[in-house]
Amino acid sequence: MTNRARSDKFYFTTRDLLMMAALAALGGVTSTYVNAFGDLVQSVLHMPGATQWAAGLHVLWIALAMGLVSKPGTGTLTGILKGVVELLSGNTHGVLVLLIDVIAGLLVDLGVLAFKRKDGWPAFTLAGGLAAASNVMVFQLFAGLPMNTLTAGALALISGVAFLSGVVFAGILGWMLLNALRRAGVVRDRGPVTASPSATRIAVVAAVVLAGALFAYLRLSLRGPETVRVEGAVASPYAYPEEHADIEAISVETTLRDVTSQYAGIPLRELVARADPEPTAAMVLITATDGYAFFVTLEEMQANEDIVLTVQGRGKDTAYNVVGPESSKAWVRNVAHLTVVGAAPLEITGGSSAPSLFQPADWQSEMDAATVSLAGGARKLQGVPLRLVLAAMDVTADTASLDLVVEGGDTVNLPMAQITDDDVRIFTKIDPAGVTYAVAHATGQVIAAPVTSIKVR
């Protein structure tokens, strides 16, 4: 009998399964309305991340299931069921919503592990906060804009808002609902858990105040400039929308990481065309307010009609985002500058029978951002592992070293033994004056700059 009782807690009864299915169905259906209300709030506040105030409401049902069943795996299974309901009901996030709910359920299970009583308010608040915050990272990794377009601080703040939402709506509210059901006799699994009313009020007020402070900070830190400068190798630089505000917005449907969305925005090629690019122009550098930058070629911009500049907010709360390029790295938040520059390939000689050219546009997918310590100050640049470039250019394995020719004609010798991994990279520095290159470590320590050519020895 003892062994039977001990094993029962690891298996779900019919009652358990029905309870989880009912709560998952309620959660899946209500999530559509929660999303709509969250979007309404964001449209009023005009700030990124505002929808995360409601993140805890998505987790509430999973937390309730954990409190009522109190068995390992309850959160995960309820998350799976909730995700399936949302997926089958036509959620716009597609199969991604299933992943979001599964991870939220898993974190609810993990969040209560440290507590002996799984239905106590400490377990509820921790599990609810962790599960609610997880959706920010899931979206960032699998559907949102690339990680390096959103600063780590801003990402942490948005996650903090979601965590507090989970504490309030999934944690405190969920715990209160659970005990209300027990007091009313609707659920008779065990008696209600009592807590000090003053402690509950203090916890709620503290969470609301902290959430308000985070919202205020996000409103200030995530908004972009009121205008976007179009400059560089152009005859008529200008600031949009102070000038050329007559450009008509278009509606596009574009896909990022298998998630298709609709956007309304200003065609980027029209914005650039109004500045009258010089004949040598080859690419446009898209620079954000936090210093992040990436480029699209004029060739891609002409061929891809879906590259647009979207507008978020109004007045001082305006923020501009570029969406639609083929490379996800060129989807940039809080755009401040569109800099038109000419092509300046880096010549690499000695690796094959003829000199080869390093063209940044050919290596977009292999680029990663890093802060590089240059003479004029640290800059966030995009870099490609040097070993990949050399391999593509048929540099032989018995090559002894490279001569990095810098501006002025001096050379820096780089032994091939130091280029065995992705640490040494070619970084592309794009300025209104043109394109220059630096060879540096992934940590930002410069080996040679500006590099004008590379000679294989």
Protein backbone atom coordinates (compact mmCIF):
# COMPACT_ATOMS: atom_id res chain seq x y z
CA MET A 1 0.00 0.00 0.00
CA THR A 2 2.86 2.29 0.80
CA ASN A 3 4.48 1.70 -2.58
CA ARG A 4 1.16 2.28 -4.34
CA ALA A 5 0.65 5.58 -2.52
CA ARG A 6 4.20 6.64 -3.21
CA SER A 7 3.91 6.00 -6.96
CA ASP A 8 0.46 7.64 -7.32
CA LYS A 9 1.84 11.12 -6.94
CA PHE A 10 3.81 10.70 -10.15
CA TYR A 11 0.74 9.81 -12.20
CA PHE A 12 -2.24 11.92 -13.23
CA THR A 13 -5.73 10.77 -12.29
CA THR A 14 -8.74 11.31 -14.54
CA ARG A 15 -9.65 14.27 -12.35
CA ASP A 16 -6.17 15.72 -12.80
CA LEU A 17 -6.30 15.40 -16.57
CA LEU A 18 -9.78 16.91 -16.79
CA MET A 19 -8.71 19.79 -14.55
CA MET A 20 -5.65 20.51 -16.67
CA ALA A 21 -7.58 20.20 -19.93
CA ALA A 22 -10.29 22.60 -18.74
CA LEU A 23 -7.81 25.21 -17.53
CA ALA A 24 -5.70 24.84 -20.69
CA ALA A 25 -8.80 25.37 -22.84
CA LEU A 26 -9.80 28.47 -20.85
CA GLY A 27 -6.26 29.81 -21.11
CA GLY A 28 -6.01 29.12 -24.82
CA VAL A 29 -9.30 30.85 -25.61
CA THR A 30 -8.74 33.88 -23.36
CA SER A 31 -5.18 34.43 -24.62
CA THR A 32 -6.55 35.78 -27.90
CA TYR A 33 -8.47 38.48 -26.02
CA VAL A 34 -5.53 39.18 -23.71
CA ASN A 35 -3.32 39.73 -26.76
CA ALA A 36 -5.84 42.11 -28.29
CA PHE A 37 -6.14 44.10 -25.06
CA GLY A 38 -2.35 44.17 -24.69
CA ASP A 39 -2.00 45.56 -28.22
CA LEU A 40 -4.58 48.23 -27.36
CA VAL A 41 -2.56 49.31 -24.33
CA GLN A 42 0.63 49.46 -26.43
CA SER A 43 -1.11 51.58 -29.06
CA VAL A 44 -2.07 54.05 -26.31
CA LEU A 45 1.33 54.13 -24.59
CA HIS A 46 3.31 54.13 -27.88
CA MET A 47 6.27 52.22 -26.44
CA PRO A 48 7.96 48.91 -27.17
CA GLY A 49 7.35 46.16 -24.65
CA ALA A 50 4.10 47.60 -23.34
CA THR A 51 2.24 44.38 -24.12
CA GLN A 52 4.29 42.60 -21.44
CA TRP A 53 2.12 44.06 -18.69
CA ALA A 54 -0.31 41.22 -19.51
CA ALA A 55 2.26 38.41 -19.74
CA GLY A 56 1.17 36.98 -16.39
CA LEU A 57 -2.42 36.53 -17.57
CA HIS A 58 -1.21 33.97 -20.12
CA VAL A 59 0.46 31.98 -17.34
CA LEU A 60 -2.37 32.25 -14.80
CA TRP A 61 -4.09 29.10 -16.03
CA ILE A 62 -0.91 27.02 -15.90
CA ALA A 63 -0.24 28.24 -12.35
CA LEU A 64 -3.79 27.37 -11.29
CA ALA A 65 -3.39 23.86 -12.70
CA MET A 66 -0.17 23.42 -10.73
CA GLY A 67 -1.88 24.57 -7.53
CA LEU A 68 -4.88 22.29 -7.99
CA VAL A 69 -2.97 19.17 -9.10
CA SER A 70 0.38 19.71 -7.32
CA LYS A 71 2.20 16.96 -9.18
CA PRO A 72 5.51 17.12 -11.08
CA GLY A 73 4.92 17.76 -14.77
CA THR A 74 1.56 19.47 -14.27
CA GLY A 75 2.82 22.80 -15.60
CA THR A 76 4.48 21.28 -18.66
CA LEU A 77 1.49 19.16 -19.63
CA THR A 78 -0.92 22.06 -19.12
CA GLY A 79 1.38 24.27 -21.20
CA ILE A 80 1.34 21.72 -24.02
CA LEU A 81 -2.45 21.49 -23.94
CA LYS A 82 -2.82 25.29 -23.82
CA GLY A 83 -0.42 25.70 -26.73
CA VAL A 84 -2.33 23.18 -28.81
CA VAL A 85 -5.60 25.01 -28.14
CA GLU A 86 -4.07 28.33 -29.19
CA LEU A 87 -2.47 26.79 -32.28
CA LEU A 88 -5.70 25.13 -33.43
CA SER A 89 -7.69 28.30 -32.75
CA GLY A 90 -5.59 30.18 -35.29
CA ASN A 91 -3.12 32.12 -33.16
CA THR A 92 -1.14 34.49 -35.41
CA HIS A 93 2.18 33.29 -33.96
CA GLY A 94 1.65 29.84 -35.44
CA VAL A 95 3.59 26.91 -34.03
CA LEU A 96 5.74 29.35 -32.02
CA VAL A 97 2.90 29.76 -29.53
CA LEU A 98 3.20 26.06 -28.69
CA LEU A 99 6.88 26.51 -27.84
CA ILE A 100 6.08 29.57 -25.71
CA ASP A 101 3.47 27.69 -23.68
CA VAL A 102 5.61 24.58 -23.28
CA ILE A 103 8.54 26.60 -21.92
CA ALA A 104 6.21 28.57 -19.63
CA GLY A 105 4.78 25.32 -18.29
CA LEU A 106 8.22 23.85 -17.80
CA LEU A 107 9.32 26.92 -15.82
CA VAL A 108 6.22 26.69 -13.64
CA ASP A 109 7.26 23.12 -12.79
CA LEU A 110 10.83 24.19 -12.11
CA GLY A 111 9.77 27.28 -10.16
CA VAL A 112 7.91 25.28 -7.50
CA LEU A 113 10.59 22.63 -7.05
CA ALA A 114 12.29 24.56 -4.26
CA PHE A 115 9.09 24.70 -2.19
CA LYS A 116 7.63 21.93 -0.10
CA ARG A 117 4.12 23.29 -0.55
CA LYS A 118 3.49 23.70 -4.26
CA ASP A 119 0.31 25.75 -3.76
CA GLY A 120 1.79 28.34 -1.41
CA TRP A 121 2.10 31.98 -2.47
CA PRO A 122 5.95 31.97 -2.55
CA ALA A 123 5.90 29.09 -5.03
CA PHE A 124 3.17 30.76 -7.09
CA THR A 125 4.93 34.12 -7.35
CA LEU A 126 8.32 32.69 -8.35
CA ALA A 127 6.88 30.23 -10.85
CA GLY A 128 4.53 32.85 -12.32
CA GLY A 129 7.29 35.43 -12.69
CA LEU A 130 9.74 33.06 -14.37
CA ALA A 131 7.16 31.64 -16.76
CA ALA A 132 5.84 35.06 -17.78
CA ALA A 133 9.33 36.45 -18.41
CA SER A 134 10.30 33.48 -20.57
CA ASN A 135 8.12 34.60 -23.49
CA VAL A 136 10.36 37.64 -24.03
CA MET A 137 13.40 35.47 -24.63
CA VAL A 138 11.48 32.99 -26.78
CA PHE A 139 10.25 35.77 -29.04
CA GLN A 140 13.68 37.36 -29.13
CA LEU A 141 15.39 34.11 -30.11
CA PHE A 142 12.84 32.67 -32.51
CA ALA A 143 10.61 35.42 -33.86
CA GLY A 144 11.55 38.88 -32.70
CA LEU A 145 14.23 41.18 -33.95
CA PRO A 146 17.81 39.96 -33.67
CA MET A 147 19.36 40.00 -30.22
CA ASN A 148 21.91 42.67 -31.03
CA THR A 149 19.25 45.15 -32.24
CA LEU A 150 17.92 45.37 -28.72
CA THR A 151 20.39 46.31 -26.03
CA ALA A 152 20.88 43.90 -23.16
CA GLY A 153 19.61 46.52 -20.71
CA ALA A 154 16.40 47.09 -22.64
CA LEU A 155 15.84 43.36 -22.99
CA ALA A 156 16.33 42.93 -19.25
CA LEU A 157 13.86 45.72 -18.52
CA ILE A 158 11.17 44.25 -20.77
CA SER A 159 11.76 40.86 -19.17
CA GLY A 160 11.44 42.55 -15.78
CA VAL A 161 8.03 43.94 -16.71
CA ALA A 162 6.93 40.47 -17.82
CA PHE A 163 8.32 38.95 -14.60
CA LEU A 164 6.38 41.42 -12.44
CA SER A 165 3.26 40.74 -14.50
CA GLY A 166 3.73 37.05 -13.75
CA VAL A 167 4.21 37.76 -10.05
CA VAL A 168 0.98 39.81 -9.90
CA PHE A 169 -1.37 38.00 -12.29
CA ALA A 170 -0.12 34.41 -12.25
CA GLY A 171 1.38 34.44 -8.76
CA ILE A 172 -0.65 36.58 -6.38
CA LEU A 173 -3.92 36.58 -8.36
CA GLY A 174 -3.60 32.87 -9.14
CA TRP A 175 -2.94 32.02 -5.50
CA MET A 176 -5.93 34.13 -4.40
CA LEU A 177 -8.23 32.48 -6.96
CA LEU A 178 -7.09 29.03 -5.89
CA ASN A 179 -7.94 29.70 -2.27
CA ALA A 180 -11.21 31.43 -3.19
CA LEU A 181 -12.28 28.25 -5.01
CA ARG A 182 -11.39 26.19 -1.95
CA ARG A 183 -13.24 28.48 0.46
CA ALA A 184 -16.31 28.41 -1.76
CA GLY A 185 -16.24 24.61 -1.83
CA VAL A 186 -15.88 24.44 -5.61
CA VAL A 187 -12.60 22.58 -5.13
CA ARG A 188 -12.31 20.27 -2.15
CA ASP A 189 -8.85 18.82 -2.54
CA ARG A 190 -7.61 20.55 0.63
CA GLY A 191 -8.28 23.57 2.79
CA PRO A 192 -7.38 27.12 1.77
CA VAL A 193 -3.97 28.51 2.65
CA THR A 194 -4.19 31.66 4.74
CA ALA A 195 -1.81 34.59 4.56
CA SER A 196 -1.58 37.97 6.21
CA PRO A 197 -3.85 40.45 4.36
CA SER A 198 -1.35 43.23 4.96
CA ALA A 199 1.47 41.16 3.45
CA THR A 200 -0.64 40.48 0.36
CA ARG A 201 -1.48 44.17 -0.04
CA ILE A 202 2.15 45.18 0.35
CA ALA A 203 3.24 42.63 -2.25
CA VAL A 204 0.62 43.83 -4.75
CA VAL A 205 1.43 47.52 -4.24
CA ALA A 206 5.18 46.89 -4.50
CA ALA A 207 4.76 44.93 -7.73
CA VAL A 208 2.54 47.64 -9.24
CA VAL A 209 4.96 50.42 -8.27
CA LEU A 210 7.95 48.52 -9.67
CA ALA A 211 6.07 47.77 -12.88
CA GLY A 212 5.15 51.45 -13.22
CA ALA A 213 8.77 52.49 -12.72
CA LEU A 214 9.96 50.00 -15.34
CA PHE A 215 7.34 51.22 -17.81
CA ALA A 216 8.45 54.82 -17.27
CA TYR A 217 12.09 53.93 -17.78
CA LEU A 218 11.32 51.90 -20.90
CA ARG A 219 9.31 54.78 -22.31
CA LEU A 220 12.37 57.01 -22.05
CA SER A 221 15.07 54.52 -23.03
CA LEU A 222 13.44 52.74 -25.97
CA ARG A 223 12.03 55.63 -27.93
CA GLY A 224 13.95 56.75 -30.97
CA PRO A 225 14.67 60.14 -32.54
CA GLU A 226 11.86 62.16 -34.09
CA THR A 227 13.65 62.18 -37.46
CA VAL A 228 15.81 59.82 -39.50
CA ARG A 229 18.82 61.32 -41.29
CA VAL A 230 19.46 60.17 -44.86
CA GLU A 231 23.08 61.07 -45.59
CA GLY A 232 26.45 59.89 -46.85
CA ALA A 233 27.27 59.56 -50.54
CA VAL A 234 24.23 61.56 -51.64
CA ALA A 235 23.72 64.90 -53.34
CA SER A 236 20.81 66.00 -51.14
CA PRO A 237 20.98 64.76 -47.53
CA TYR A 238 17.85 65.38 -45.50
CA ALA A 239 15.92 64.48 -42.36
CA TYR A 240 12.74 62.45 -42.68
CA PRO A 241 9.88 63.37 -42.09
CA GLU A 242 10.88 67.05 -41.84
CA GLU A 243 11.47 66.74 -45.58
CA HIS A 244 9.83 64.44 -48.12
CA ALA A 245 6.93 63.63 -45.82
CA ASP A 246 4.85 63.18 -48.96
CA ILE A 247 6.22 59.67 -49.57
CA GLU A 248 3.25 57.32 -49.38
CA ALA A 249 3.27 54.41 -46.96
CA ILE A 250 2.69 50.91 -48.29
CA SER A 251 1.56 47.67 -46.66
CA VAL A 252 3.88 44.67 -46.93
CA GLU A 253 3.83 41.09 -45.72
CA THR A 254 7.24 39.76 -44.83
CA THR A 255 8.69 36.80 -42.94
CA LEU A 256 11.34 36.71 -40.24
CA ARG A 257 12.42 33.34 -38.82
CA ASP A 258 9.37 31.55 -40.23
CA VAL A 259 6.91 34.06 -38.72
CA THR A 260 4.98 36.10 -41.27
CA SER A 261 3.67 39.53 -40.30
CA GLN A 262 2.14 42.54 -41.99
CA TYR A 263 3.72 45.98 -41.73
CA ALA A 264 2.84 49.45 -42.94
CA GLY A 265 5.81 51.67 -43.71
CA ILE A 266 7.74 53.94 -46.05
CA PRO A 267 9.64 52.15 -48.87
CA LEU A 268 13.34 52.39 -48.01
CA ARG A 269 14.39 52.65 -51.64
CA GLU A 270 12.18 55.71 -52.07
CA LEU A 271 13.65 57.34 -48.96
CA VAL A 272 17.16 56.81 -50.33
CA ALA A 273 16.22 57.85 -53.87
CA ARG A 274 14.99 61.24 -52.61
CA ALA A 275 18.54 61.93 -51.36
CA ASP A 276 19.95 61.41 -54.89
CA PRO A 277 22.71 58.81 -54.29
CA GLU A 278 26.04 59.25 -56.06
CA PRO A 279 26.90 56.87 -58.94
CA THR A 280 29.43 55.04 -56.74
CA ALA A 281 26.82 54.25 -54.04
CA ALA A 282 26.60 50.54 -53.27
CA MET A 283 25.02 50.06 -49.84
CA VAL A 284 23.02 51.71 -47.08
CA LEU A 285 24.14 51.50 -43.45
CA ILE A 286 21.19 51.41 -41.04
CA THR A 287 22.24 52.82 -37.66
CA ALA A 288 20.22 52.67 -34.44
CA THR A 289 20.29 55.08 -31.51
CA ASP A 290 22.26 52.60 -29.37
CA GLY A 291 25.07 52.39 -31.95
CA TYR A 292 24.07 49.08 -33.54
CA ALA A 293 24.35 49.16 -37.32
CA PHE A 294 23.95 46.85 -40.27
CA PHE A 295 23.70 47.35 -44.01
CA VAL A 296 21.69 46.43 -47.05
CA THR A 297 23.00 46.71 -50.58
CA LEU A 298 21.33 49.05 -53.04
CA GLU A 299 20.90 46.02 -55.28
CA GLU A 300 18.84 44.20 -52.64
CA MET A 301 16.91 47.35 -51.81
CA GLN A 302 15.87 47.75 -55.45
CA ALA A 303 14.89 44.10 -55.80
CA ASN A 304 13.11 43.70 -52.45
CA GLU A 305 9.96 45.82 -52.31
CA ASP A 306 9.22 44.69 -48.75
CA ILE A 307 12.03 46.71 -47.11
CA VAL A 308 10.23 49.53 -45.34
CA LEU A 309 10.73 52.04 -42.55
CA THR A 310 7.90 51.57 -40.06
CA VAL A 311 6.76 54.30 -37.68
CA GLN A 312 5.84 53.58 -34.08
CA GLY A 313 4.35 56.21 -31.80
CA ARG A 314 3.95 59.95 -32.34
CA GLY A 315 5.81 63.13 -31.50
CA LYS A 316 8.53 62.71 -28.89
CA ASP A 317 7.62 59.03 -28.56
CA THR A 318 8.25 58.28 -32.23
CA ALA A 319 10.48 55.32 -33.08
CA TYR A 320 11.44 54.12 -36.56
CA ASN A 321 12.24 50.50 -37.40
CA VAL A 322 13.53 48.92 -40.61
CA VAL A 323 11.89 45.61 -41.50
CA GLY A 324 11.98 43.35 -44.54
CA PRO A 325 15.66 42.83 -45.52
CA GLU A 326 16.81 39.32 -46.35
CA SER A 327 19.29 39.31 -43.46
CA SER A 328 17.64 39.39 -40.03
CA LYS A 329 20.56 41.51 -38.79
CA ALA A 330 19.33 44.38 -40.97
CA TRP A 331 15.99 44.48 -39.14
CA VAL A 332 16.93 47.43 -36.94
CA ARG A 333 14.97 49.09 -34.12
CA ASN A 334 15.09 52.82 -33.30
CA VAL A 335 16.72 53.88 -36.55
CA ALA A 336 18.59 57.20 -36.40
CA HIS A 337 20.59 57.29 -39.66
CA LEU A 338 20.49 55.85 -43.17
CA THR A 339 24.02 56.31 -44.52
CA VAL A 340 24.65 55.73 -48.21
CA VAL A 341 28.21 54.56 -48.97
CA GLY A 342 30.20 53.29 -51.92
CA ALA A 343 31.72 49.85 -52.32
CA ALA A 344 35.33 49.35 -51.19
CA PRO A 345 36.26 45.66 -51.30
CA LEU A 346 39.30 44.40 -49.39
CA GLU A 347 41.90 42.77 -51.64
CA ILE A 348 43.46 39.48 -50.52
CA THR A 349 46.44 38.34 -52.58
CA GLY A 350 48.59 35.22 -52.60
CA GLY A 351 45.93 32.68 -51.70
CA SER A 352 45.22 31.53 -55.23
CA SER A 353 46.34 32.23 -58.79
CA ALA A 354 44.50 35.56 -58.83
CA PRO A 355 43.76 38.19 -56.15
CA SER A 356 40.44 37.77 -54.33
CA LEU A 357 38.12 40.46 -53.01
CA PHE A 358 36.38 40.46 -49.67
CA GLN A 359 32.93 41.96 -50.30
CA PRO A 360 30.90 42.59 -47.10
CA ALA A 361 27.66 41.92 -48.95
CA ASP A 362 28.78 38.35 -49.65
CA TRP A 363 29.21 37.61 -45.93
CA GLN A 364 26.09 39.06 -44.30
CA SER A 365 24.88 35.74 -42.90
CA GLU A 366 28.23 35.02 -41.19
CA MET A 367 28.55 38.43 -39.55
CA ASP A 368 28.25 39.02 -35.82
CA ALA A 369 28.38 42.27 -33.89
CA ALA A 370 31.14 43.16 -31.44
CA THR A 371 32.42 46.35 -29.87
CA VAL A 372 35.85 47.07 -31.35
CA SER A 373 38.34 49.44 -29.68
CA LEU A 374 39.41 51.71 -32.53
CA ALA A 375 41.65 54.78 -32.40
CA GLY A 376 38.68 57.15 -32.50
CA GLY A 377 36.81 55.27 -29.78
CA ALA A 378 34.95 52.00 -29.36
CA ARG A 379 32.51 51.13 -32.16
CA LYS A 380 30.01 48.32 -32.54
CA LEU A 381 30.98 46.65 -35.83
CA GLN A 382 30.06 43.54 -37.80
CA GLY A 383 32.76 40.90 -38.18
CA VAL A 384 33.35 37.70 -40.16
CA PRO A 385 35.69 34.93 -38.95
CA LEU A 386 38.90 35.36 -40.92
CA ARG A 387 39.39 31.60 -41.27
CA LEU A 388 36.11 31.32 -43.21
CA VAL A 389 37.15 34.06 -45.61
CA LEU A 390 40.54 32.45 -46.20
CA ALA A 391 38.97 29.02 -46.73
CA ALA A 392 36.61 30.44 -49.35
CA MET A 393 39.57 32.00 -51.14
CA ASP A 394 41.58 28.76 -51.41
CA VAL A 395 44.30 29.74 -48.97
CA THR A 396 46.46 26.64 -48.60
CA ALA A 397 46.79 24.86 -45.27
CA ASP A 398 50.59 25.23 -45.25
CA THR A 399 50.41 29.05 -45.33
CA ALA A 400 52.77 30.44 -42.69
CA SER A 401 51.27 33.85 -42.00
CA LEU A 402 49.41 36.88 -43.28
CA ASP A 403 50.69 40.41 -43.81
CA LEU A 404 47.97 42.87 -42.85
CA VAL A 405 48.70 46.06 -44.79
CA VAL A 406 47.43 49.12 -42.94
CA GLU A 407 46.88 52.67 -44.10
CA GLY A 408 50.25 54.25 -44.83
CA GLY A 409 51.85 51.04 -46.10
CA ASP A 410 53.01 49.46 -42.83
CA THR A 411 52.31 45.76 -42.27
CA VAL A 412 51.33 43.67 -39.28
CA ASN A 413 52.30 40.00 -39.47
CA LEU A 414 49.65 37.54 -38.28
CA PRO A 415 50.72 33.87 -37.93
CA MET A 416 48.23 31.36 -39.31
CA ALA A 417 48.50 29.43 -36.05
CA GLN A 418 46.44 32.22 -34.44
CA ILE A 419 43.58 31.84 -36.93
CA THR A 420 42.36 28.37 -36.00
CA ASP A 421 38.95 29.39 -34.66
CA ASP A 422 36.38 32.20 -35.01
CA ASP A 423 38.16 34.55 -32.61
CA VAL A 424 40.08 36.53 -35.27
CA ARG A 425 37.69 38.41 -37.54
CA ILE A 426 37.51 40.96 -40.34
CA PHE A 427 35.34 43.83 -39.12
CA THR A 428 33.66 46.22 -41.55
CA LYS A 429 33.54 49.88 -40.53
CA ILE A 430 31.09 51.91 -42.61
CA ASP A 431 31.06 55.70 -42.33
CA PRO A 432 29.75 58.51 -44.55
CA ALA A 433 33.31 58.82 -45.89
CA GLY A 434 33.39 55.17 -46.99
CA VAL A 435 34.17 51.61 -45.95
CA THR A 436 37.29 50.59 -44.01
CA TYR A 437 38.31 47.34 -42.38
CA ALA A 438 39.88 46.17 -39.14
CA VAL A 439 41.22 42.77 -38.14
CA ALA A 440 40.49 42.20 -34.48
CA HIS A 441 39.58 39.59 -31.90
CA ALA A 442 35.94 38.85 -31.14
CA THR A 443 36.49 40.53 -27.77
CA GLY A 444 37.24 43.82 -29.57
CA GLN A 445 41.04 43.89 -29.23
CA VAL A 446 42.43 45.27 -32.48
CA ILE A 447 45.23 43.48 -34.34
CA ALA A 448 45.46 45.91 -37.26
CA ALA A 449 43.39 48.88 -38.48
CA PRO A 450 42.55 50.30 -40.90
CA VAL A 451 43.53 47.36 -43.12
CA THR A 452 43.80 48.20 -46.82
CA SER A 453 44.82 44.74 -48.09
CA ILE A 454 45.91 41.29 -46.92
CA LYS A 455 48.86 39.39 -48.36
CA VAL A 456 49.12 35.62 -47.86
CA ARG A 457 52.72 34.44 -47.31
